[in-house]
Each structure stands twice: as structure tokens, then as C-alpha cells.
Amino acid sequence: MFRITTQTADDELVMKLEGSLTGAWVREADTCWRDVMTAMDGRRVRIDLTAVCHVDAAGRELMTVMHRAGAQFVTRGCVMPEIVREISESADAGLPTEAQSAR
């Protein structure tokens, strides 16, 4: 199961993901992400990953795109903060996510 919820606050647009960001769900999240990007109107975008339990390679690539576009991630637990750190480091270094993980 996967759920995507978007909410608009004053100066912020929040996209909450819940479940596994894998397989076909990555395409759904990407479609929603594109909709969010067109509706931003200068607002900050925050991606709430606190309820995401698993991310595959395609999910990491989408998260890299989101990070490079300026989205801020909200995480908790042991795994998701580490995944976001890896994505942040690889995106900032200009490397593909897999290349950073291989180091």
C-alpha cells in the first residue's frame, strides 16, 4: 500500500508519502511531484517521509530529483534519515545515487 497526501499551508506545500516508495508507486509519486511543482507558486516544498518504510533505486532517483529541485525532507527513524543523507551528499557532489552508495 502507498498513500500520497498533499497539503498547502501559507508559504509551504507539503507532500506526505506513506508506505513503500517502490515499483509502480514511484511513478505515482513522480506524477504527484510534477503536479506539486506546477502548483508551488513560490512556496517551499516539504516532503514528509516519516511514514515511508522502504525505498528502491527508482525511489531514490525520484528523491534525488526532489532534492535538486529544493524540496526539504522530513524523516525519522534509523533508515530514512540515512537515505536522505546519502541522496543529499550525492546530489550535492553531482553523482548518481548508486555511485555514492558504492563508495
N, C-alpha and C. Protein backbone atom coordinates (compact mmCIF):
# COMPACT_ATOMS: atom_id res chain seq x y z
N MET A 1 0.83 -1.19 0.00
CA MET A 1 0.00 0.00 0.00
C MET A 1 0.88 1.25 0.00
N PHE A 2 0.41 2.27 -0.67
CA PHE A 2 1.13 3.53 -0.73
C PHE A 2 0.10 4.64 -0.75
N ARG A 3 0.38 5.70 -0.02
CA ARG A 3 -0.54 6.83 0.04
C ARG A 3 0.25 8.12 -0.15
N ILE A 4 -0.35 9.03 -0.90
CA ILE A 4 0.23 10.36 -1.11
C ILE A 4 -0.83 11.39 -0.72
N THR A 5 -0.45 12.30 0.15
CA THR A 5 -1.35 13.37 0.56
C THR A 5 -0.62 14.69 0.37
N THR A 6 -1.28 15.65 -0.22
CA THR A 6 -0.68 16.98 -0.34
C THR A 6 -1.52 17.97 0.44
N GLN A 7 -0.81 18.93 1.02
CA GLN A 7 -1.47 19.95 1.82
C GLN A 7 -0.75 21.27 1.60
N THR A 8 -1.50 22.33 1.48
CA THR A 8 -0.92 23.64 1.28
C THR A 8 -1.10 24.46 2.55
N ALA A 9 0.01 24.96 3.05
CA ALA A 9 -0.01 25.91 4.17
C ALA A 9 0.32 27.28 3.59
N ASP A 10 0.45 28.27 4.43
CA ASP A 10 0.67 29.64 3.97
C ASP A 10 1.79 29.76 2.94
N ASP A 11 2.99 29.42 3.33
CA ASP A 11 4.13 29.58 2.43
C ASP A 11 4.80 28.25 2.12
N GLU A 12 4.06 27.16 2.30
CA GLU A 12 4.66 25.85 2.16
C GLU A 12 3.66 24.85 1.58
N LEU A 13 4.18 23.98 0.74
CA LEU A 13 3.38 22.89 0.20
C LEU A 13 3.98 21.59 0.73
N VAL A 14 3.18 20.75 1.36
CA VAL A 14 3.67 19.51 1.97
C VAL A 14 3.13 18.33 1.20
N MET A 15 4.04 17.44 0.82
CA MET A 15 3.68 16.20 0.15
C MET A 15 4.06 15.07 1.10
N LYS A 16 3.05 14.40 1.67
CA LYS A 16 3.29 13.32 2.63
C LYS A 16 3.20 11.99 1.91
N LEU A 17 4.26 11.18 2.04
CA LEU A 17 4.30 9.84 1.46
C LEU A 17 4.21 8.82 2.57
N GLU A 18 3.43 7.76 2.34
CA GLU A 18 3.28 6.71 3.34
C GLU A 18 3.35 5.35 2.65
N GLY A 19 4.16 4.44 3.21
CA GLY A 19 4.28 3.09 2.66
C GLY A 19 5.63 2.88 2.01
N SER A 20 5.66 2.10 0.94
CA SER A 20 6.91 1.77 0.24
C SER A 20 7.01 2.56 -1.05
N LEU A 21 8.06 3.34 -1.17
CA LEU A 21 8.32 4.11 -2.39
C LEU A 21 9.11 3.20 -3.33
N THR A 22 8.38 2.27 -3.96
CA THR A 22 8.99 1.25 -4.81
C THR A 22 8.10 0.99 -6.02
N GLY A 23 8.71 0.40 -7.04
CA GLY A 23 7.97 -0.07 -8.21
C GLY A 23 7.04 0.96 -8.81
N ALA A 24 5.81 0.52 -9.06
CA ALA A 24 4.80 1.38 -9.70
C ALA A 24 4.46 2.60 -8.85
N TRP A 25 4.66 2.50 -7.54
CA TRP A 25 4.35 3.63 -6.66
C TRP A 25 5.28 4.80 -6.92
N VAL A 26 6.47 4.53 -7.41
CA VAL A 26 7.40 5.63 -7.74
C VAL A 26 6.81 6.46 -8.88
N ARG A 27 6.22 5.80 -9.87
CA ARG A 27 5.59 6.54 -10.97
C ARG A 27 4.44 7.41 -10.46
N GLU A 28 3.65 6.87 -9.54
CA GLU A 28 2.56 7.65 -8.95
C GLU A 28 3.09 8.86 -8.19
N ALA A 29 4.15 8.63 -7.42
CA ALA A 29 4.75 9.73 -6.65
C ALA A 29 5.34 10.77 -7.59
N ASP A 30 5.93 10.33 -8.70
CA ASP A 30 6.51 11.25 -9.67
C ASP A 30 5.41 12.11 -10.30
N THR A 31 4.29 11.50 -10.64
CA THR A 31 3.17 12.26 -11.20
C THR A 31 2.68 13.31 -10.21
N CYS A 32 2.54 12.91 -8.97
CA CYS A 32 2.11 13.85 -7.93
C CYS A 32 3.15 14.96 -7.75
N TRP A 33 4.44 14.59 -7.75
CA TRP A 33 5.52 15.55 -7.62
C TRP A 33 5.44 16.59 -8.73
N ARG A 34 5.21 16.15 -9.95
CA ARG A 34 5.11 17.10 -11.08
C ARG A 34 3.93 18.05 -10.88
N ASP A 35 2.82 17.53 -10.36
CA ASP A 35 1.67 18.39 -10.06
C ASP A 35 2.01 19.41 -8.98
N VAL A 36 2.72 18.96 -7.96
CA VAL A 36 3.15 19.85 -6.88
C VAL A 36 4.05 20.95 -7.43
N MET A 37 4.96 20.58 -8.31
CA MET A 37 5.90 21.57 -8.87
C MET A 37 5.17 22.65 -9.66
N THR A 38 4.11 22.28 -10.34
CA THR A 38 3.37 23.29 -11.11
C THR A 38 2.49 24.16 -10.21
N ALA A 39 2.16 23.67 -9.01
CA ALA A 39 1.29 24.41 -8.10
C ALA A 39 2.05 25.18 -7.02
N MET A 40 3.36 25.17 -7.06
CA MET A 40 4.17 25.76 -6.00
C MET A 40 3.91 27.24 -5.77
N ASP A 41 3.86 28.01 -6.84
CA ASP A 41 3.66 29.46 -6.74
C ASP A 41 4.63 30.12 -5.76
N GLY A 42 5.90 29.75 -5.83
CA GLY A 42 6.91 30.36 -4.98
C GLY A 42 6.98 29.80 -3.57
N ARG A 43 6.15 28.83 -3.25
CA ARG A 43 6.18 28.24 -1.91
C ARG A 43 7.32 27.24 -1.78
N ARG A 44 7.73 27.04 -0.54
CA ARG A 44 8.69 25.97 -0.25
C ARG A 44 7.95 24.64 -0.36
N VAL A 45 8.69 23.60 -0.69
CA VAL A 45 8.10 22.26 -0.76
C VAL A 45 8.78 21.38 0.28
N ARG A 46 7.96 20.71 1.07
CA ARG A 46 8.47 19.79 2.08
C ARG A 46 7.90 18.42 1.76
N ILE A 47 8.79 17.41 1.76
CA ILE A 47 8.39 16.03 1.53
C ILE A 47 8.45 15.30 2.87
N ASP A 48 7.31 14.88 3.36
CA ASP A 48 7.23 14.19 4.65
C ASP A 48 7.39 12.69 4.40
N LEU A 49 8.52 12.15 4.83
CA LEU A 49 8.84 10.73 4.65
C LEU A 49 8.75 9.95 5.95
N THR A 50 8.14 10.52 6.97
CA THR A 50 8.13 9.89 8.29
C THR A 50 7.39 8.55 8.30
N ALA A 51 6.51 8.32 7.32
CA ALA A 51 5.77 7.06 7.27
C ALA A 51 6.21 6.17 6.10
N VAL A 52 7.36 6.47 5.50
CA VAL A 52 7.89 5.63 4.43
C VAL A 52 8.75 4.55 5.04
N CYS A 53 8.50 3.29 4.65
CA CYS A 53 9.21 2.17 5.25
C CYS A 53 10.27 1.57 4.35
N HIS A 54 10.20 1.81 3.04
CA HIS A 54 11.18 1.22 2.12
C HIS A 54 11.26 2.08 0.86
N VAL A 55 12.49 2.19 0.30
CA VAL A 55 12.72 2.93 -0.92
C VAL A 55 13.62 2.09 -1.82
N ASP A 56 13.22 1.89 -3.09
CA ASP A 56 14.08 1.17 -4.02
C ASP A 56 14.92 2.17 -4.82
N ALA A 57 15.68 1.67 -5.79
CA ALA A 57 16.58 2.54 -6.57
C ALA A 57 15.81 3.62 -7.32
N ALA A 58 14.66 3.27 -7.90
CA ALA A 58 13.86 4.26 -8.61
C ALA A 58 13.33 5.32 -7.64
N GLY A 59 12.95 4.90 -6.44
CA GLY A 59 12.51 5.84 -5.42
C GLY A 59 13.60 6.80 -5.01
N ARG A 60 14.83 6.27 -4.90
CA ARG A 60 15.98 7.13 -4.57
C ARG A 60 16.23 8.15 -5.67
N GLU A 61 16.08 7.72 -6.91
CA GLU A 61 16.28 8.65 -8.03
C GLU A 61 15.24 9.77 -7.99
N LEU A 62 13.99 9.42 -7.71
CA LEU A 62 12.96 10.46 -7.59
C LEU A 62 13.27 11.39 -6.44
N MET A 63 13.72 10.84 -5.33
CA MET A 63 14.08 11.69 -4.19
C MET A 63 15.25 12.60 -4.54
N THR A 64 16.17 12.13 -5.37
CA THR A 64 17.29 12.97 -5.81
C THR A 64 16.77 14.14 -6.64
N VAL A 65 15.83 13.86 -7.53
CA VAL A 65 15.22 14.93 -8.33
C VAL A 65 14.55 15.95 -7.42
N MET A 66 13.82 15.46 -6.44
CA MET A 66 13.15 16.36 -5.49
C MET A 66 14.15 17.22 -4.73
N HIS A 67 15.22 16.58 -4.26
CA HIS A 67 16.26 17.31 -3.52
C HIS A 67 16.89 18.39 -4.39
N ARG A 68 17.23 18.04 -5.61
CA ARG A 68 17.86 19.00 -6.52
C ARG A 68 16.93 20.16 -6.86
N ALA A 69 15.62 19.92 -6.78
CA ALA A 69 14.64 20.98 -7.05
C ALA A 69 14.41 21.86 -5.81
N GLY A 70 15.05 21.50 -4.69
CA GLY A 70 14.96 22.33 -3.50
C GLY A 70 14.00 21.84 -2.44
N ALA A 71 13.42 20.66 -2.63
CA ALA A 71 12.50 20.13 -1.63
C ALA A 71 13.26 19.81 -0.35
N GLN A 72 12.60 20.03 0.77
CA GLN A 72 13.16 19.67 2.08
C GLN A 72 12.49 18.38 2.53
N PHE A 73 13.28 17.45 3.06
CA PHE A 73 12.75 16.17 3.52
C PHE A 73 12.57 16.18 5.03
N VAL A 74 11.49 15.55 5.49
CA VAL A 74 11.25 15.34 6.91
C VAL A 74 11.28 13.83 7.11
N THR A 75 12.15 13.37 8.01
CA THR A 75 12.32 11.94 8.24
C THR A 75 12.36 11.63 9.72
N ARG A 76 12.33 10.34 10.02
CA ARG A 76 12.57 9.89 11.39
C ARG A 76 12.99 8.43 11.30
N GLY A 77 13.47 7.93 12.43
CA GLY A 77 13.92 6.54 12.48
C GLY A 77 15.39 6.42 12.15
N CYS A 78 15.81 5.23 11.80
CA CYS A 78 17.22 4.96 11.51
C CYS A 78 17.52 4.99 10.02
N VAL A 79 16.63 4.43 9.22
CA VAL A 79 16.93 4.22 7.81
C VAL A 79 16.69 5.46 6.96
N MET A 80 15.52 6.07 7.05
CA MET A 80 15.20 7.19 6.16
C MET A 80 16.14 8.38 6.32
N PRO A 81 16.53 8.77 7.53
CA PRO A 81 17.49 9.88 7.62
C PRO A 81 18.81 9.54 6.91
N GLU A 82 19.23 8.29 6.97
CA GLU A 82 20.47 7.89 6.30
C GLU A 82 20.31 7.92 4.78
N ILE A 83 19.18 7.47 4.29
CA ILE A 83 18.93 7.52 2.84
C ILE A 83 18.93 8.96 2.36
N VAL A 84 18.28 9.84 3.11
CA VAL A 84 18.24 11.26 2.73
C VAL A 84 19.65 11.86 2.78
N ARG A 85 20.45 11.48 3.77
CA ARG A 85 21.83 11.98 3.85
C ARG A 85 22.61 11.54 2.61
N GLU A 86 22.49 10.27 2.22
CA GLU A 86 23.19 9.77 1.04
C GLU A 86 22.75 10.50 -0.22
N ILE A 87 21.45 10.72 -0.35
CA ILE A 87 20.92 11.43 -1.52
C ILE A 87 21.43 12.86 -1.53
N SER A 88 21.42 13.50 -0.39
CA SER A 88 21.89 14.88 -0.29
C SER A 88 23.37 14.98 -0.68
N GLU A 89 24.17 14.09 -0.14
CA GLU A 89 25.60 14.11 -0.46
C GLU A 89 25.86 13.83 -1.93
N SER A 90 25.17 12.84 -2.50
CA SER A 90 25.41 12.50 -3.90
C SER A 90 24.90 13.60 -4.82
N ALA A 91 23.75 14.19 -4.50
CA ALA A 91 23.20 15.26 -5.32
C ALA A 91 24.09 16.49 -5.26
N ASP A 92 24.60 16.79 -4.07
CA ASP A 92 25.48 17.95 -3.93
C ASP A 92 26.81 17.75 -4.62
N ALA A 93 27.25 16.49 -4.72
CA ALA A 93 28.51 16.20 -5.40
C ALA A 93 28.30 15.99 -6.90
N GLY A 94 27.03 15.96 -7.34
CA GLY A 94 26.74 15.76 -8.75
C GLY A 94 26.85 14.32 -9.19
N LEU A 95 26.85 13.38 -8.25
CA LEU A 95 26.98 11.96 -8.58
C LEU A 95 25.61 11.31 -8.62
N PRO A 96 25.47 10.25 -9.45
CA PRO A 96 24.24 9.47 -9.37
C PRO A 96 24.16 8.79 -8.00
N THR A 97 22.96 8.51 -7.52
CA THR A 97 22.77 7.93 -6.20
C THR A 97 23.54 6.63 -6.04
N GLU A 98 23.54 5.76 -7.06
CA GLU A 98 24.22 4.47 -6.96
C GLU A 98 25.72 4.64 -6.78
N ALA A 99 26.31 5.64 -7.44
CA ALA A 99 27.75 5.86 -7.33
C ALA A 99 28.12 6.24 -5.92
N GLN A 100 27.28 7.04 -5.26
CA GLN A 100 27.56 7.43 -3.90
C GLN A 100 27.45 6.24 -2.96
N SER A 101 26.43 5.39 -3.18
CA SER A 101 26.24 4.23 -2.32
C SER A 101 27.39 3.24 -2.45
N ALA A 102 28.03 3.19 -3.62
CA ALA A 102 29.12 2.24 -3.86
C ALA A 102 30.42 2.64 -3.16
N ARG A 103 30.50 3.88 -2.74
CA ARG A 103 31.74 4.34 -2.10
C ARG A 103 32.00 3.67 -0.80
